[in-house]
Structure formats: C-alpha cells, structure tokens
Amino acid sequence: PSSRSLQYLIREHMIENSPNKEEMKNLNNDVFSHDEKLHLRWNSQKGRIFIDGSHLMHNLELGDEILINSHAPPLALFTRDD
C-alpha cells in the first residue's frame, strides 16, 4: 500500500499571546493529503525546526516562514507477513 499523505507533530507550542490558545493546542498532530500544505511563521528571535527526529534540522530566526508539503518522493515501506 502507498500514501501521499504526510503526518506532522508539533512538540512545543509557542502560542502565549494567541487569542485562541485551546484551538491551537488541538492542532499538534495531524495528517494532510498530497494537495494540502502547512504554512508557519516563526515569531521568536531564534529557534530550530527538526525533521525526522534529529536527522535533519534547520536554524530559524524571527520572521522566517516555513512551508511544509508532501511533494517529496514517496517512502517505500516493507512489512513482514508473519
């Protein structure tokens, strides 16, 4: 089986001044389909985004924008039948 969907997990919410904090906290883990994307704006002085655990990371600065989509090559999964 194959899927073009992408799962994401937000580990640390930075929403101190958000008027809808509870609504934002419910967005911490989801899956989006091939035609959807996630657009974020970094609102802290410095930080990092981690991709696939600690395998890939990128430094961020105030005002940086991040666009995440599922247009990467598909990941092949192999399962055992037992």
PDB file of N, CA and C in Angstrom:
ATOM      1  N   PRO A   1       0.827  -1.201   0.000  1.00  0.00           N
ATOM      2  CA  PRO A   1       0.000   0.000   0.000  1.00  0.00           C
ATOM      3  C   PRO A   1       0.865   1.257   0.000  1.00  0.00           C
ATOM      4  N   SER A   2       0.349   2.312  -0.568  1.00  0.00           N
ATOM      5  CA  SER A   2       1.102   3.565  -0.598  1.00  0.00           C
ATOM      6  C   SER A   2       0.168   4.727  -0.249  1.00  0.00           C
ATOM      7  N   SER A   3       0.779   5.818   0.172  1.00  0.00           N
ATOM      8  CA  SER A   3       0.023   7.005   0.548  1.00  0.00           C
ATOM      9  C   SER A   3       0.874   8.230   0.264  1.00  0.00           C
ATOM     10  N   ARG A   4       0.266   9.279  -0.239  1.00  0.00           N
ATOM     11  CA  ARG A   4       0.955  10.551  -0.468  1.00  0.00           C
ATOM     12  C   ARG A   4       0.701  11.515   0.689  1.00  0.00           C
ATOM     13  N   SER A   5       0.059  11.054   1.744  1.00  0.00           N
ATOM     14  CA  SER A   5      -0.229  11.894   2.909  1.00  0.00           C
ATOM     15  C   SER A   5       1.026  12.092   3.745  1.00  0.00           C
ATOM     16  N   LEU A   6       1.029  13.128   4.553  1.00  0.00           N
ATOM     17  CA  LEU A   6       2.164  13.441   5.414  1.00  0.00           C
ATOM     18  C   LEU A   6       1.657  13.693   6.829  1.00  0.00           C
ATOM     19  N   GLN A   7       2.289  13.054   7.801  1.00  0.00           N
ATOM     20  CA  GLN A   7       1.921  13.242   9.203  1.00  0.00           C
ATOM     21  C   GLN A   7       2.894  14.221   9.842  1.00  0.00           C
ATOM     22  N   TYR A   8       2.379  15.100  10.696  1.00  0.00           N
ATOM     23  CA  TYR A   8       3.252  16.022  11.425  1.00  0.00           C
ATOM     24  C   TYR A   8       2.883  16.030  12.900  1.00  0.00           C
ATOM     25  N   LEU A   9       3.854  16.425  13.714  1.00  0.00           N
ATOM     26  CA  LEU A   9       3.676  16.516  15.162  1.00  0.00           C
ATOM     27  C   LEU A   9       4.356  17.790  15.645  1.00  0.00           C
ATOM     28  N   ILE A  10       3.609  18.642  16.321  1.00  0.00           N
ATOM     29  CA  ILE A  10       4.163  19.843  16.938  1.00  0.00           C
ATOM     30  C   ILE A  10       4.436  19.498  18.389  1.00  0.00           C
ATOM     31  N   ARG A  11       5.714  19.490  18.774  1.00  0.00           N
ATOM     32  CA  ARG A  11       6.074  19.076  20.135  1.00  0.00           C
ATOM     33  C   ARG A  11       5.974  20.202  21.139  1.00  0.00           C
ATOM     34  N   GLU A  12       6.278  21.414  20.729  1.00  0.00           N
ATOM     35  CA  GLU A  12       6.248  22.539  21.671  1.00  0.00           C
ATOM     36  C   GLU A  12       5.489  23.697  21.038  1.00  0.00           C
ATOM     37  N   HIS A  13       4.320  23.980  21.584  1.00  0.00           N
ATOM     38  CA  HIS A  13       3.513  25.093  21.084  1.00  0.00           C
ATOM     39  C   HIS A  13       4.074  26.410  21.616  1.00  0.00           C
ATOM     40  N   MET A  14       4.142  27.394  20.767  1.00  0.00           N
ATOM     41  CA  MET A  14       4.586  28.725  21.170  1.00  0.00           C
ATOM     42  C   MET A  14       3.455  29.689  20.849  1.00  0.00           C
ATOM     43  N   ILE A  15       2.430  29.668  21.692  1.00  0.00           N
ATOM     44  CA  ILE A  15       1.203  30.417  21.412  1.00  0.00           C
ATOM     45  C   ILE A  15       0.790  31.278  22.597  1.00  0.00           C
ATOM     46  N   GLU A  16       1.743  31.816  23.316  1.00  0.00           N
ATOM     47  CA  GLU A  16       1.447  32.535  24.560  1.00  0.00           C
ATOM     48  C   GLU A  16       0.434  33.653  24.375  1.00  0.00           C
ATOM     49  N   ASN A  17       0.509  34.414  23.295  1.00  0.00           N
ATOM     50  CA  ASN A  17      -0.362  35.569  23.108  1.00  0.00           C
ATOM     51  C   ASN A  17      -1.485  35.316  22.111  1.00  0.00           C
ATOM     52  N   SER A  18      -1.712  34.085  21.758  1.00  0.00           N
ATOM     53  CA  SER A  18      -2.761  33.764  20.793  1.00  0.00           C
ATOM     54  C   SER A  18      -4.133  33.891  21.448  1.00  0.00           C
ATOM     55  N   PRO A  19      -5.101  34.518  20.776  1.00  0.00           N
ATOM     56  CA  PRO A  19      -6.445  34.635  21.356  1.00  0.00           C
ATOM     57  C   PRO A  19      -7.182  33.297  21.399  1.00  0.00           C
ATOM     58  N   ASN A  20      -6.750  32.326  20.623  1.00  0.00           N
ATOM     59  CA  ASN A  20      -7.423  31.025  20.576  1.00  0.00           C
ATOM     60  C   ASN A  20      -6.452  29.907  20.949  1.00  0.00           C
ATOM     61  N   LYS A  21      -5.874  29.989  22.141  1.00  0.00           N
ATOM     62  CA  LYS A  21      -4.861  29.030  22.603  1.00  0.00           C
ATOM     63  C   LYS A  21      -5.363  27.587  22.578  1.00  0.00           C
ATOM     64  N   GLU A  22      -6.568  27.356  23.074  1.00  0.00           N
ATOM     65  CA  GLU A  22      -7.071  25.981  23.152  1.00  0.00           C
ATOM     66  C   GLU A  22      -7.258  25.388  21.760  1.00  0.00           C
ATOM     67  N   GLU A  23      -7.742  26.190  20.833  1.00  0.00           N
ATOM     68  CA  GLU A  23      -7.909  25.717  19.457  1.00  0.00           C
ATOM     69  C   GLU A  23      -6.553  25.378  18.841  1.00  0.00           C
ATOM     70  N   MET A  24      -5.541  26.190  19.104  1.00  0.00           N
ATOM     71  CA  MET A  24      -4.201  25.954  18.558  1.00  0.00           C
ATOM     72  C   MET A  24      -3.591  24.686  19.143  1.00  0.00           C
ATOM     73  N   LYS A  25      -3.811  24.422  20.423  1.00  0.00           N
ATOM     74  CA  LYS A  25      -3.247  23.230  21.056  1.00  0.00           C
ATOM     75  C   LYS A  25      -3.805  21.948  20.452  1.00  0.00           C
ATOM     76  N   ASN A  26      -5.002  22.004  19.894  1.00  0.00           N
ATOM     77  CA  ASN A  26      -5.603  20.829  19.268  1.00  0.00           C
ATOM     78  C   ASN A  26      -5.009  20.530  17.896  1.00  0.00           C
ATOM     79  N   LEU A  27      -4.127  21.385  17.399  1.00  0.00           N
ATOM     80  CA  LEU A  27      -3.513  21.191  16.088  1.00  0.00           C
ATOM     81  C   LEU A  27      -2.129  20.562  16.193  1.00  0.00           C
ATOM     82  N   ASN A  28      -1.845  19.849  17.268  1.00  0.00           N
ATOM     83  CA  ASN A  28      -0.479  19.381  17.497  1.00  0.00           C
ATOM     84  C   ASN A  28      -0.098  18.146  16.704  1.00  0.00           C
ATOM     85  N   ASN A  29      -1.048  17.378  16.192  1.00  0.00           N
ATOM     86  CA  ASN A  29      -0.720  16.156  15.469  1.00  0.00           C
ATOM     87  C   ASN A  29      -1.808  15.930  14.433  1.00  0.00           C
ATOM     88  N   ASP A  30      -1.409  15.782  13.185  1.00  0.00           N
ATOM     89  CA  ASP A  30      -2.411  15.594  12.139  1.00  0.00           C
ATOM     90  C   ASP A  30      -1.748  14.998  10.905  1.00  0.00           C
ATOM     91  N   VAL A  31      -2.558  14.722   9.929  1.00  0.00           N
ATOM     92  CA  VAL A  31      -2.098  14.216   8.637  1.00  0.00           C
ATOM     93  C   VAL A  31      -2.706  15.111   7.580  1.00  0.00           C
ATOM     94  N   PHE A  32      -1.913  15.518   6.594  1.00  0.00           N
ATOM     95  CA  PHE A  32      -2.520  16.240   5.486  1.00  0.00           C
ATOM     96  C   PHE A  32      -2.241  15.529   4.177  1.00  0.00           C
ATOM     97  N   SER A  33      -3.167  15.703   3.246  1.00  0.00           N
ATOM     98  CA  SER A  33      -3.105  14.976   1.984  1.00  0.00           C
ATOM     99  C   SER A  33      -2.127  15.633   1.016  1.00  0.00           C
ATOM    100  N   HIS A  34      -1.955  15.003  -0.109  1.00  0.00           N
ATOM    101  CA  HIS A  34      -0.968  15.436  -1.096  1.00  0.00           C
ATOM    102  C   HIS A  34      -1.204  16.866  -1.584  1.00  0.00           C
ATOM    103  N   ASP A  35      -2.435  17.309  -1.633  1.00  0.00           N
ATOM    104  CA  ASP A  35      -2.726  18.641  -2.164  1.00  0.00           C
ATOM    105  C   ASP A  35      -2.784  19.728  -1.085  1.00  0.00           C
ATOM    106  N   GLU A  36      -2.559  19.374   0.174  1.00  0.00           N
ATOM    107  CA  GLU A  36      -2.568  20.355   1.262  1.00  0.00           C
ATOM    108  C   GLU A  36      -1.146  20.743   1.652  1.00  0.00           C
ATOM    109  N   LYS A  37      -1.014  21.875   2.363  1.00  0.00           N
ATOM    110  CA  LYS A  37       0.287  22.301   2.871  1.00  0.00           C
ATOM    111  C   LYS A  37       0.118  23.006   4.200  1.00  0.00           C
ATOM    112  N   LEU A  38       1.197  23.072   4.936  1.00  0.00           N
ATOM    113  CA  LEU A  38       1.218  23.723   6.239  1.00  0.00           C
ATOM    114  C   LEU A  38       2.173  24.912   6.144  1.00  0.00           C
ATOM    115  N   HIS A  39       1.668  26.122   6.409  1.00  0.00           N
ATOM    116  CA  HIS A  39       2.460  27.346   6.310  1.00  0.00           C
ATOM    117  C   HIS A  39       2.599  27.945   7.702  1.00  0.00           C
ATOM    118  N   LEU A  40       3.836  28.128   8.170  1.00  0.00           N
ATOM    119  CA  LEU A  40       4.108  28.654   9.501  1.00  0.00           C
ATOM    120  C   LEU A  40       4.995  29.888   9.412  1.00  0.00           C
ATOM    121  N   ARG A  41       4.850  30.790  10.376  1.00  0.00           N
ATOM    122  CA  ARG A  41       5.746  31.942  10.502  1.00  0.00           C
ATOM    123  C   ARG A  41       6.379  31.868  11.876  1.00  0.00           C
ATOM    124  N   TRP A  42       7.719  31.947  11.921  1.00  0.00           N
ATOM    125  CA  TRP A  42       8.456  31.859  13.174  1.00  0.00           C
ATOM    126  C   TRP A  42       8.430  33.212  13.869  1.00  0.00           C
ATOM    127  N   ASN A  43       7.937  33.243  15.130  1.00  0.00           N
ATOM    128  CA  ASN A  43       7.764  34.503  15.849  1.00  0.00           C
ATOM    129  C   ASN A  43       8.686  34.654  17.056  1.00  0.00           C
ATOM    130  N   SER A  44       9.752  33.890  17.122  1.00  0.00           N
ATOM    131  CA  SER A  44      10.747  34.026  18.188  1.00  0.00           C
ATOM    132  C   SER A  44      12.062  34.501  17.582  1.00  0.00           C
ATOM    133  N   GLN A  45      12.949  35.015  18.439  1.00  0.00           N
ATOM    134  CA  GLN A  45      14.232  35.511  17.933  1.00  0.00           C
ATOM    135  C   GLN A  45      15.042  34.419  17.239  1.00  0.00           C
ATOM    136  N   LYS A  46      15.158  33.264  17.873  1.00  0.00           N
ATOM    137  CA  LYS A  46      15.932  32.160  17.305  1.00  0.00           C
ATOM    138  C   LYS A  46      15.271  30.843  17.660  1.00  0.00           C
ATOM    139  N   GLY A  47      15.515  29.839  16.851  1.00  0.00           N
ATOM    140  CA  GLY A  47      14.971  28.519  17.121  1.00  0.00           C
ATOM    141  C   GLY A  47      15.435  27.531  16.077  1.00  0.00           C
ATOM    142  N   ARG A  48      14.874  26.340  16.113  1.00  0.00           N
ATOM    143  CA  ARG A  48      15.215  25.286  15.155  1.00  0.00           C
ATOM    144  C   ARG A  48      13.971  24.478  14.824  1.00  0.00           C
ATOM    145  N   ILE A  49      13.952  23.980  13.621  1.00  0.00           N
ATOM    146  CA  ILE A  49      12.936  23.020  13.224  1.00  0.00           C
ATOM    147  C   ILE A  49      13.653  21.700  12.972  1.00  0.00           C
ATOM    148  N   PHE A  50      13.088  20.625  13.497  1.00  0.00           N
ATOM    149  CA  PHE A  50      13.689  19.297  13.353  1.00  0.00           C
ATOM    150  C   PHE A  50      12.812  18.454  12.442  1.00  0.00           C
ATOM    151  N   ILE A  51      13.433  17.825  11.466  1.00  0.00           N
ATOM    152  CA  ILE A  51      12.741  16.958  10.516  1.00  0.00           C
ATOM    153  C   ILE A  51      13.179  15.530  10.781  1.00  0.00           C
ATOM    154  N   ASP A  52      12.233  14.632  10.923  1.00  0.00           N
ATOM    155  CA  ASP A  52      12.529  13.216  11.155  1.00  0.00           C
ATOM    156  C   ASP A  52      13.390  13.039  12.396  1.00  0.00           C
ATOM    157  N   GLY A  53      12.868  13.527  13.524  1.00  0.00           N
ATOM    158  CA  GLY A  53      13.634  13.436  14.776  1.00  0.00           C
ATOM    159  C   GLY A  53      14.841  14.349  14.719  1.00  0.00           C
ATOM    160  N   SER A  54      16.012  13.813  14.992  1.00  0.00           N
ATOM    161  CA  SER A  54      17.231  14.642  14.965  1.00  0.00           C
ATOM    162  C   SER A  54      18.019  14.460  13.675  1.00  0.00           C
ATOM    163  N   HIS A  55      17.443  13.812  12.673  1.00  0.00           N
ATOM    164  CA  HIS A  55      18.187  13.527  11.447  1.00  0.00           C
ATOM    165  C   HIS A  55      18.438  14.755  10.577  1.00  0.00           C
ATOM    166  N   LEU A  56      17.565  15.730  10.633  1.00  0.00           N
ATOM    167  CA  LEU A  56      17.724  16.942   9.836  1.00  0.00           C
ATOM    168  C   LEU A  56      17.168  18.108  10.642  1.00  0.00           C
ATOM    169  N   MET A  57      17.922  19.204  10.717  1.00  0.00           N
ATOM    170  CA  MET A  57      17.432  20.379  11.433  1.00  0.00           C
ATOM    171  C   MET A  57      17.843  21.633  10.671  1.00  0.00           C
ATOM    172  N   HIS A  58      17.095  22.698  10.925  1.00  0.00           N
ATOM    173  CA  HIS A  58      17.352  23.969  10.260  1.00  0.00           C
ATOM    174  C   HIS A  58      17.154  25.087  11.282  1.00  0.00           C
ATOM    175  N   ASN A  59      18.109  25.999  11.370  1.00  0.00           N
ATOM    176  CA  ASN A  59      18.004  27.141  12.280  1.00  0.00           C
ATOM    177  C   ASN A  59      16.974  28.141  11.761  1.00  0.00           C
ATOM    178  N   LEU A  60      16.263  28.783  12.682  1.00  0.00           N
ATOM    179  CA  LEU A  60      15.234  29.761  12.338  1.00  0.00           C
ATOM    180  C   LEU A  60      15.504  31.070  13.059  1.00  0.00           C
ATOM    181  N   GLU A  61      15.080  32.162  12.425  1.00  0.00           N
ATOM    182  CA  GLU A  61      15.160  33.488  13.025  1.00  0.00           C
ATOM    183  C   GLU A  61      13.807  34.174  12.882  1.00  0.00           C
ATOM    184  N   LEU A  62      13.592  35.219  13.644  1.00  0.00           N
ATOM    185  CA  LEU A  62      12.341  35.958  13.655  1.00  0.00           C
ATOM    186  C   LEU A  62      11.889  36.294  12.232  1.00  0.00           C
ATOM    187  N   GLY A  63      10.640  35.948  11.928  1.00  0.00           N
ATOM    188  CA  GLY A  63      10.066  36.273  10.628  1.00  0.00           C
ATOM    189  C   GLY A  63      10.241  35.200   9.563  1.00  0.00           C
ATOM    190  N   ASP A  64      11.051  34.183   9.826  1.00  0.00           N
ATOM    191  CA  ASP A  64      11.212  33.107   8.845  1.00  0.00           C
ATOM    192  C   ASP A  64       9.873  32.425   8.609  1.00  0.00           C
ATOM    193  N   GLU A  65       9.651  32.016   7.370  1.00  0.00           N
ATOM    194  CA  GLU A  65       8.432  31.305   7.028  1.00  0.00           C
ATOM    195  C   GLU A  65       8.780  29.894   6.584  1.00  0.00           C
ATOM    196  N   ILE A  66       7.936  28.958   6.971  1.00  0.00           N
ATOM    197  CA  ILE A  66       8.160  27.547   6.701  1.00  0.00           C
ATOM    198  C   ILE A  66       6.947  27.023   5.946  1.00  0.00           C
ATOM    199  N   LEU A  67       7.189  26.378   4.823  1.00  0.00           N
ATOM    200  CA  LEU A  67       6.126  25.755   4.048  1.00  0.00           C
ATOM    201  C   LEU A  67       6.409  24.265   3.995  1.00  0.00           C
ATOM    202  N   ILE A  68       5.485  23.464   4.502  1.00  0.00           N
ATOM    203  CA  ILE A  68       5.643  22.012   4.526  1.00  0.00           C
ATOM    204  C   ILE A  68       4.552  21.412   3.651  1.00  0.00           C
ATOM    205  N   ASN A  69       4.981  20.565   2.705  1.00  0.00           N
ATOM    206  CA  ASN A  69       4.013  19.857   1.872  1.00  0.00           C
ATOM    207  C   ASN A  69       4.469  18.415   1.708  1.00  0.00           C
ATOM    208  N   SER A  70       3.691  17.634   1.017  1.00  0.00           N
ATOM    209  CA  SER A  70       4.025  16.220   0.866  1.00  0.00           C
ATOM    210  C   SER A  70       4.500  15.887  -0.549  1.00  0.00           C
ATOM    211  N   HIS A  71       5.185  16.811  -1.186  1.00  0.00           N
ATOM    212  CA  HIS A  71       5.635  16.609  -2.561  1.00  0.00           C
ATOM    213  C   HIS A  71       6.995  15.933  -2.664  1.00  0.00           C
ATOM    214  N   ALA A  72       7.488  15.395  -1.581  1.00  0.00           N
ATOM    215  CA  ALA A  72       8.763  14.660  -1.602  1.00  0.00           C
ATOM    216  C   ALA A  72       8.540  13.307  -2.282  1.00  0.00           C
ATOM    217  N   PRO A  73       9.631  12.663  -2.706  1.00  0.00           N
ATOM    218  CA  PRO A  73       9.473  11.320  -3.279  1.00  0.00           C
ATOM    219  C   PRO A  73       8.824  10.395  -2.257  1.00  0.00           C
ATOM    220  N   PRO A  74       8.020   9.452  -2.717  1.00  0.00           N
ATOM    221  CA  PRO A  74       7.340   8.544  -1.777  1.00  0.00           C
ATOM    222  C   PRO A  74       8.335   7.676  -1.015  1.00  0.00           C
ATOM    223  N   LEU A  75       7.961   7.333   0.184  1.00  0.00           N
ATOM    224  CA  LEU A  75       8.760   6.472   1.044  1.00  0.00           C
ATOM    225  C   LEU A  75       8.292   5.028   0.859  1.00  0.00           C
ATOM    226  N   ALA A  76       9.214   4.140   0.540  1.00  0.00           N
ATOM    227  CA  ALA A  76       8.864   2.730   0.367  1.00  0.00           C
ATOM    228  C   ALA A  76       8.835   2.046   1.725  1.00  0.00           C
ATOM    229  N   LEU A  77       7.746   1.367   2.021  1.00  0.00           N
ATOM    230  CA  LEU A  77       7.598   0.643   3.277  1.00  0.00           C
ATOM    231  C   LEU A  77       7.575  -0.845   2.986  1.00  0.00           C
ATOM    232  N   PHE A  78       8.301  -1.589   3.787  1.00  0.00           N
ATOM    233  CA  PHE A  78       8.343  -3.025   3.635  1.00  0.00           C
ATOM    234  C   PHE A  78       7.847  -3.654   4.930  1.00  0.00           C
ATOM    235  N   THR A  79       6.906  -4.561   4.832  1.00  0.00           N
ATOM    236  CA  THR A  79       6.349  -5.209   6.008  1.00  0.00           C
ATOM    237  C   THR A  79       6.516  -6.716   5.909  1.00  0.00           C
ATOM    238  N   ARG A  80       6.490  -7.356   7.053  1.00  0.00           N
ATOM    239  CA  ARG A  80       6.554  -8.814   7.109  1.00  0.00           C
ATOM    240  C   ARG A  80       5.156  -9.379   7.186  1.00  0.00           C
ATOM    241  N   ASP A  81       4.968 -10.551   6.624  1.00  0.00           N
ATOM    242  CA  ASP A  81       3.647 -11.176   6.621  1.00  0.00           C
ATOM    243  C   ASP A  81       3.362 -12.006   7.866  1.00  0.00           C
ATOM    244  N   ASP A  82       4.336 -12.210   8.742  1.00  0.00           N
ATOM    245  CA  ASP A  82       4.112 -13.076   9.908  1.00  0.00           C
ATOM    246  C   ASP A  82       3.551 -12.352  11.083  1.00  0.00           C
TER     247      ASP A  82
END
